[in-house]
Protein backbone atom coordinates (compact mmCIF):
# COMPACT_ATOMS: atom_id res chain seq x y z
CA MET A 1 -18.65 -7.47 -29.22
CA ALA A 2 -19.36 -6.32 -25.65
CA GLN A 3 -19.19 -2.59 -24.95
CA ARG A 4 -15.99 -1.64 -23.11
CA LEU A 5 -16.54 -0.41 -19.55
CA SER A 6 -14.81 2.90 -18.80
CA GLN A 7 -13.96 3.43 -15.13
CA LEU A 8 -13.31 6.56 -13.08
CA THR A 9 -12.20 6.51 -9.45
CA VAL A 10 -12.42 9.60 -7.27
CA VAL A 11 -9.78 9.58 -4.53
CA SER A 12 -8.13 11.98 -2.13
CA GLY A 13 -4.89 12.08 -0.21
CA LYS A 14 -6.78 12.80 3.01
CA GLY A 15 -10.33 12.53 4.23
CA GLY A 16 -12.84 15.37 4.16
CA THR A 17 -11.85 17.01 0.89
CA GLY A 18 -15.26 16.60 -0.79
CA LYS A 19 -14.64 13.38 -2.69
CA THR A 20 -18.09 11.87 -2.11
CA THR A 21 -19.80 15.20 -2.83
CA VAL A 22 -18.15 15.25 -6.25
CA LEU A 23 -18.83 11.57 -6.99
CA GLY A 24 -22.47 11.88 -5.90
CA SER A 25 -22.96 14.77 -8.32
CA PHE A 26 -21.19 12.84 -11.08
CA ALA A 27 -23.67 10.00 -10.47
CA ALA A 28 -26.54 12.45 -11.01
CA LEU A 29 -24.95 13.84 -14.18
CA ALA A 30 -23.87 10.57 -15.79
CA GLU A 31 -26.02 8.42 -17.99
CA ASN A 32 -25.93 4.62 -18.11
CA ALA A 33 -23.43 4.33 -15.24
CA VAL A 34 -22.86 1.71 -12.55
CA LEU A 35 -21.80 3.10 -9.18
CA ALA A 36 -19.45 1.59 -6.62
CA ASP A 37 -18.64 2.85 -3.13
CA CYS A 38 -15.18 1.46 -2.45
CA ASP A 39 -14.56 3.47 0.71
CA VAL A 40 -15.54 0.35 2.62
CA ASP A 41 -14.08 1.46 5.95
CA ALA A 42 -16.40 4.50 6.02
CA ALA A 43 -18.93 4.14 3.19
CA ASN A 44 -21.28 7.10 2.87
CA LEU A 45 -22.29 7.42 -0.80
CA HIS A 46 -25.56 5.69 0.06
CA LEU A 47 -26.53 8.72 2.18
CA LEU A 48 -26.81 10.79 -1.01
CA LEU A 49 -28.19 8.17 -3.39
CA HIS A 50 -30.78 6.43 -1.14
CA PRO A 51 -30.36 2.89 -2.50
CA GLN A 52 -32.94 0.13 -2.31
CA VAL A 53 -31.03 -3.03 -1.44
CA ARG A 54 -32.01 -5.98 -3.63
CA GLN A 55 -29.21 -8.42 -2.79
CA GLN A 56 -26.85 -8.87 0.15
CA GLU A 57 -23.83 -11.16 0.48
CA GLU A 58 -21.58 -12.10 3.35
CA PHE A 59 -17.93 -11.27 2.78
CA TRP A 60 -15.57 -13.94 4.03
CA GLY A 61 -12.21 -12.24 4.39
CA ALA A 62 -9.42 -12.81 6.88
CA LYS A 63 -8.61 -16.03 8.68
CA VAL A 64 -8.28 -16.39 12.44
CA ALA A 65 -6.93 -19.11 14.67
CA VAL A 66 -9.38 -21.65 16.09
CA ARG A 67 -8.44 -24.05 18.89
CA ASP A 68 -9.46 -27.69 19.26
CA ALA A 69 -9.74 -27.86 23.05
CA ALA A 70 -9.59 -31.66 23.04
CA ARG A 71 -6.08 -31.58 21.54
CA CYS A 72 -4.69 -28.64 23.55
CA ASP A 73 -2.56 -29.47 26.58
CA GLY A 74 -1.73 -25.84 27.46
CA VAL A 75 2.01 -25.87 26.79
CA GLY A 76 1.79 -22.25 25.60
CA GLU A 77 3.99 -22.32 22.49
CA CYS A 78 1.25 -20.44 20.65
CA GLU A 79 1.11 -17.68 23.26
CA ARG A 80 4.89 -17.28 23.38
CA GLY A 81 5.16 -17.05 19.60
CA CYS A 82 2.29 -14.67 18.85
CA ARG A 83 3.56 -11.11 18.28
CA PHE A 84 0.07 -9.65 18.27
CA GLY A 85 -1.04 -10.80 21.71
CA ALA A 86 -3.97 -12.55 20.04
CA ILE A 87 -3.77 -15.94 21.72
CA THR A 88 -3.30 -17.39 25.19
CA THR A 89 -3.57 -20.92 26.45
CA GLN A 90 -7.19 -20.16 27.32
CA ALA A 91 -8.58 -18.13 24.41
CA VAL A 92 -8.11 -16.55 20.97
CA ASP A 93 -8.91 -12.87 20.42
CA PRO A 94 -10.37 -12.81 16.86
CA LEU A 95 -10.02 -9.01 16.64
CA ALA A 96 -6.29 -9.11 17.42
CA CYS A 97 -5.52 -12.21 15.34
CA GLU A 98 -3.80 -11.39 12.02
CA GLY A 99 -4.21 -14.90 10.61
CA CYS A 100 -0.47 -15.31 10.10
CA GLY A 101 -0.55 -18.99 11.09
CA LEU A 102 2.53 -18.97 13.34
CA CYS A 103 0.55 -20.44 16.22
CA VAL A 104 -0.63 -23.28 13.99
CA LEU A 105 2.98 -24.15 13.15
CA ALA A 106 4.17 -23.73 16.75
CA CYS A 107 1.56 -25.98 18.35
CA PRO A 108 3.10 -29.42 19.02
CA ASN A 109 -0.32 -31.07 19.27
CA ASP A 110 -1.97 -29.76 16.07
CA ALA A 111 -4.61 -28.15 18.25
CA LEU A 112 -4.88 -24.98 16.16
CA ARG A 113 -6.13 -24.28 12.64
CA LEU A 114 -7.01 -21.20 10.60
CA GLU A 115 -10.62 -20.60 9.59
CA GLN A 116 -12.15 -17.85 7.47
CA ILE A 117 -14.63 -15.58 9.18
CA VAL A 118 -17.26 -13.11 7.98
CA ASN A 119 -15.63 -9.66 7.82
CA GLY A 120 -18.51 -7.67 6.38
CA HIS A 121 -21.26 -7.56 3.79
CA THR A 122 -21.68 -6.40 0.21
CA TYR A 123 -24.89 -4.88 -1.09
CA MET A 124 -26.23 -4.63 -4.63
CA SER A 125 -28.81 -1.89 -4.77
CA ASP A 126 -30.93 0.17 -7.12
CA THR A 127 -30.89 3.96 -7.13
CA ARG A 128 -32.55 6.50 -9.39
CA TYR A 129 -29.07 7.18 -10.79
CA GLY A 130 -28.22 3.56 -11.64
CA PRO A 131 -27.16 0.38 -9.85
CA LEU A 132 -24.96 0.83 -6.78
CA VAL A 133 -22.62 -1.73 -5.23
CA HIS A 134 -21.52 -0.86 -1.71
CA ALA A 135 -20.20 -2.66 1.34
CA LYS A 136 -19.73 -2.46 5.08
CA LEU A 137 -16.89 -3.90 7.11
CA LEU A 138 -17.71 -5.21 10.55
CA PRO A 139 -16.15 -3.18 13.39
CA ALA A 140 -12.36 -3.71 13.59
CA ALA A 141 -12.51 -6.15 10.66
CA GLU A 142 -9.57 -6.63 8.28
CA SER A 143 -9.21 -7.49 4.56
CA SER A 144 -10.67 -4.18 3.41
CA GLY A 145 -8.51 -4.30 0.26
CA ARG A 146 -10.06 -7.61 -0.72
CA LEU A 147 -13.51 -6.22 -0.01
CA VAL A 148 -12.83 -3.26 -2.34
CA THR A 149 -11.83 -5.72 -5.06
CA ARG A 150 -15.04 -7.67 -4.49
CA VAL A 151 -17.16 -4.50 -4.76
CA ARG A 152 -15.50 -3.64 -8.06
CA GLN A 153 -15.97 -7.17 -9.40
CA LEU A 154 -19.68 -7.06 -8.61
CA ALA A 155 -20.03 -3.65 -10.25
CA GLU A 156 -18.29 -4.89 -13.40
CA ASP A 157 -20.55 -7.96 -13.47
CA ILE A 158 -23.63 -5.73 -13.30
CA ALA A 159 -22.28 -3.49 -16.07
CA LEU A 160 -21.65 -6.47 -18.33
CA ARG A 161 -25.11 -7.85 -17.61
CA ASP A 162 -27.07 -4.61 -17.96
CA GLY A 163 -24.98 -2.75 -20.53
CA GLN A 164 -23.67 0.15 -18.44
CA ARG A 165 -20.81 1.90 -20.20
CA VAL A 166 -19.28 3.79 -17.26
CA ALA A 167 -18.31 2.80 -13.70
CA LEU A 168 -18.06 5.64 -11.19
CA ILE A 169 -16.08 4.57 -8.13
CA ASP A 170 -15.95 6.43 -4.82
CA GLY A 171 -12.50 5.49 -3.58
CA PRO A 172 -10.99 5.72 -0.10
CA PRO A 173 -8.60 8.42 1.05
CA GLY A 174 -4.88 7.76 1.44
CA ILE A 175 -2.41 5.47 -0.31
CA GLY A 176 -3.03 2.13 1.41
CA CYS A 177 -4.20 -1.18 0.02
CA THR A 178 -7.81 -0.03 -0.28
CA ALA A 179 -6.77 2.93 -2.44
CA THR A 180 -4.62 0.67 -4.61
CA ALA A 181 -7.52 -1.76 -5.07
CA ALA A 182 -9.91 1.07 -5.97
CA LEU A 183 -7.47 2.52 -8.54
CA ALA A 184 -6.29 -0.63 -10.33
CA ASP A 185 -6.68 -0.38 -14.13
CA VAL A 186 -9.09 2.57 -14.14
CA ASP A 187 -9.30 4.94 -17.10
CA LEU A 188 -9.05 8.06 -14.97
CA ALA A 189 -8.06 8.71 -11.36
CA LEU A 190 -9.56 11.99 -10.16
CA ILE A 191 -8.07 13.53 -7.03
CA VAL A 192 -10.16 15.95 -4.98
CA THR A 193 -7.85 18.10 -2.88
CA GLU A 194 -8.00 21.29 -0.86
CA PRO A 195 -5.55 24.20 -0.52
CA THR A 196 -4.14 23.33 2.87
CA LEU A 197 -0.63 22.15 3.68
CA SER A 198 -1.88 18.68 4.59
CA GLY A 199 -4.06 18.62 1.47
CA ILE A 200 -1.09 19.48 -0.76
CA HIS A 201 1.23 16.97 0.92
CA ASP A 202 -1.26 14.13 0.73
CA MET A 203 -2.26 15.01 -2.84
CA GLU A 204 1.38 14.69 -3.90
CA ARG A 205 1.59 11.27 -2.22
CA VAL A 206 -1.51 9.91 -3.94
CA ILE A 207 -0.32 11.31 -7.28
CA GLY A 208 2.90 9.34 -6.75
CA LEU A 209 0.85 6.18 -6.21
CA ILE A 210 -1.26 6.79 -9.30
CA GLN A 211 1.72 7.56 -11.51
CA HIS A 212 3.51 4.46 -10.21
CA PHE A 213 0.76 2.43 -11.86
CA GLY A 214 0.83 4.54 -15.02
CA LEU A 215 -2.77 5.72 -14.72
CA PRO A 216 -4.19 8.95 -16.16
CA VAL A 217 -4.79 11.47 -13.38
CA ALA A 218 -6.66 14.76 -13.00
CA VAL A 219 -7.33 17.09 -10.07
CA ILE A 220 -10.20 19.12 -8.65
CA ILE A 221 -9.28 21.84 -6.15
CA ASN A 222 -12.13 22.14 -3.66
CA LYS A 223 -12.58 25.27 -1.48
CA ALA A 224 -9.96 26.89 -3.71
CA ASP A 225 -10.64 30.40 -2.38
CA ILE A 226 -9.91 29.66 1.29
CA ASN A 227 -6.19 29.98 0.55
CA GLU A 228 -5.42 31.33 -2.89
CA ALA A 229 -1.66 31.01 -2.40
CA ASN A 230 -1.92 27.28 -1.71
CA ALA A 231 -4.40 26.85 -4.55
CA GLY A 232 -1.78 28.47 -6.77
CA ARG A 233 0.83 26.00 -5.48
CA ILE A 234 -1.45 23.11 -6.44
CA GLY A 235 -2.01 24.59 -9.88
CA SER A 236 1.74 25.09 -10.43
CA PHE A 237 2.49 21.53 -9.32
CA CYS A 238 -0.12 20.15 -11.69
CA ARG A 239 1.18 22.21 -14.63
CA GLN A 240 4.74 21.03 -13.97
CA HIS A 241 3.57 17.42 -14.04
CA ASP A 242 1.12 17.77 -16.96
CA ILE A 243 -1.87 17.01 -14.72
CA PRO A 244 -5.10 18.71 -15.80
CA VAL A 245 -7.05 20.65 -13.17
CA LEU A 246 -10.69 20.02 -14.07
CA ALA A 247 -12.16 22.63 -11.74
CA GLU A 248 -11.39 25.06 -8.93
CA LEU A 249 -14.46 25.03 -6.71
CA PRO A 250 -15.15 27.89 -4.27
CA PHE A 251 -16.13 27.41 -0.66
CA ASP A 252 -19.91 27.59 -0.25
CA ASP A 253 -22.19 26.71 2.68
CA VAL A 254 -24.70 25.31 0.18
CA VAL A 255 -22.58 22.16 -0.01
CA THR A 256 -23.27 21.47 3.67
CA HIS A 257 -26.97 22.20 3.16
CA ALA A 258 -27.10 19.67 0.30
CA ILE A 259 -25.39 17.04 2.47
CA VAL A 260 -27.88 17.65 5.29
CA ALA A 261 -30.69 17.32 2.76
CA GLN A 262 -29.06 14.08 1.49
CA VAL A 263 -29.22 15.21 -2.13
CA PRO A 264 -26.44 15.35 -4.76
CA LEU A 265 -25.27 18.94 -4.93
CA VAL A 266 -26.07 19.45 -8.63
CA GLU A 267 -29.71 18.59 -7.90
CA TYR A 268 -29.88 20.85 -4.84
CA ASP A 269 -28.38 24.05 -6.23
CA ASP A 270 -27.08 25.54 -9.46
CA GLY A 271 -24.54 27.89 -7.91
CA PRO A 272 -20.81 28.23 -8.61
CA VAL A 273 -19.84 24.91 -7.00
CA SER A 274 -22.47 22.97 -8.93
CA GLN A 275 -21.48 24.69 -12.14
CA GLY A 276 -17.84 23.83 -11.49
CA ILE A 277 -18.71 20.18 -10.90
CA ARG A 278 -20.74 20.11 -14.11
CA ALA A 279 -17.76 21.51 -16.02
CA ALA A 280 -15.47 18.95 -14.37
CA TRP A 281 -17.81 16.12 -15.39
CA ASP A 282 -17.86 17.34 -18.98
CA ARG A 283 -14.06 17.20 -19.06
CA ALA A 284 -13.81 13.90 -17.18
CA SER A 285 -16.37 12.21 -19.42
CA GLY A 286 -14.16 13.07 -22.37
CA HIS A 287 -11.38 11.01 -20.78
CA LEU A 288 -13.83 8.14 -20.32
CA GLU A 289 -14.93 8.11 -23.96
CA VAL A 290 -18.53 8.27 -22.77
CA ASN A 291 -19.68 9.52 -26.13
CA ALA A 292 -17.46 7.19 -28.19
């Protein structure tokens, strides 16, 4: 029987909380893991892991309207009906087009059709920490939720082929479709937050999303000592909702130095932040049944 793949997604309610720093260190600490960067709108895990790309695929995502000039007589029903200002009697703006198809239905001459376009690329790479699947959306491209799903599918395929037991997923910030796609059916959702008012507010929102799907959730408080009162508020909230806090990491300039050096923090330094991340990984790996 095939080994079950345990999956952990690191997310945050807002950007800049240290999510990729934590996931990059987890990648260095884990054994036999497949890695996936699902923050496809602003992927940056590759900056720490230095992947060697071995396969690249085009991602065909959204559809846009295409006009058959020979059929068009310029009556303008498409332009009058489009709520996105994406089409005129002369041209289609592929960046503004949402692919809704209203113009296709409105055209009396069947001069318009929807066609899929390339929205980005996926990459399957090797790193010294394990295989990495990552992606890049083209500028202003849509269908990022579908691209996240594709990245996860490719990572699961690699794990089944090569026998990885754990998938570590760097998720996007927020509660949109990309976050939902990165969180679906994982064994543990790990939120990295910070003790600011916006950090607390957005953490509570992403916890609501995770609990809506009935997923196990845990929290890491990053830069916990910059506002001890707010860190205490996060801790109290987590206790009230039976959410484990895996670590409270102090603020330390060494984190920035490790990022500049493009090295996972636990390989750059063994100070308090690295030790906290190591402790958090030990606790998180228990949730993932890594040693089962």
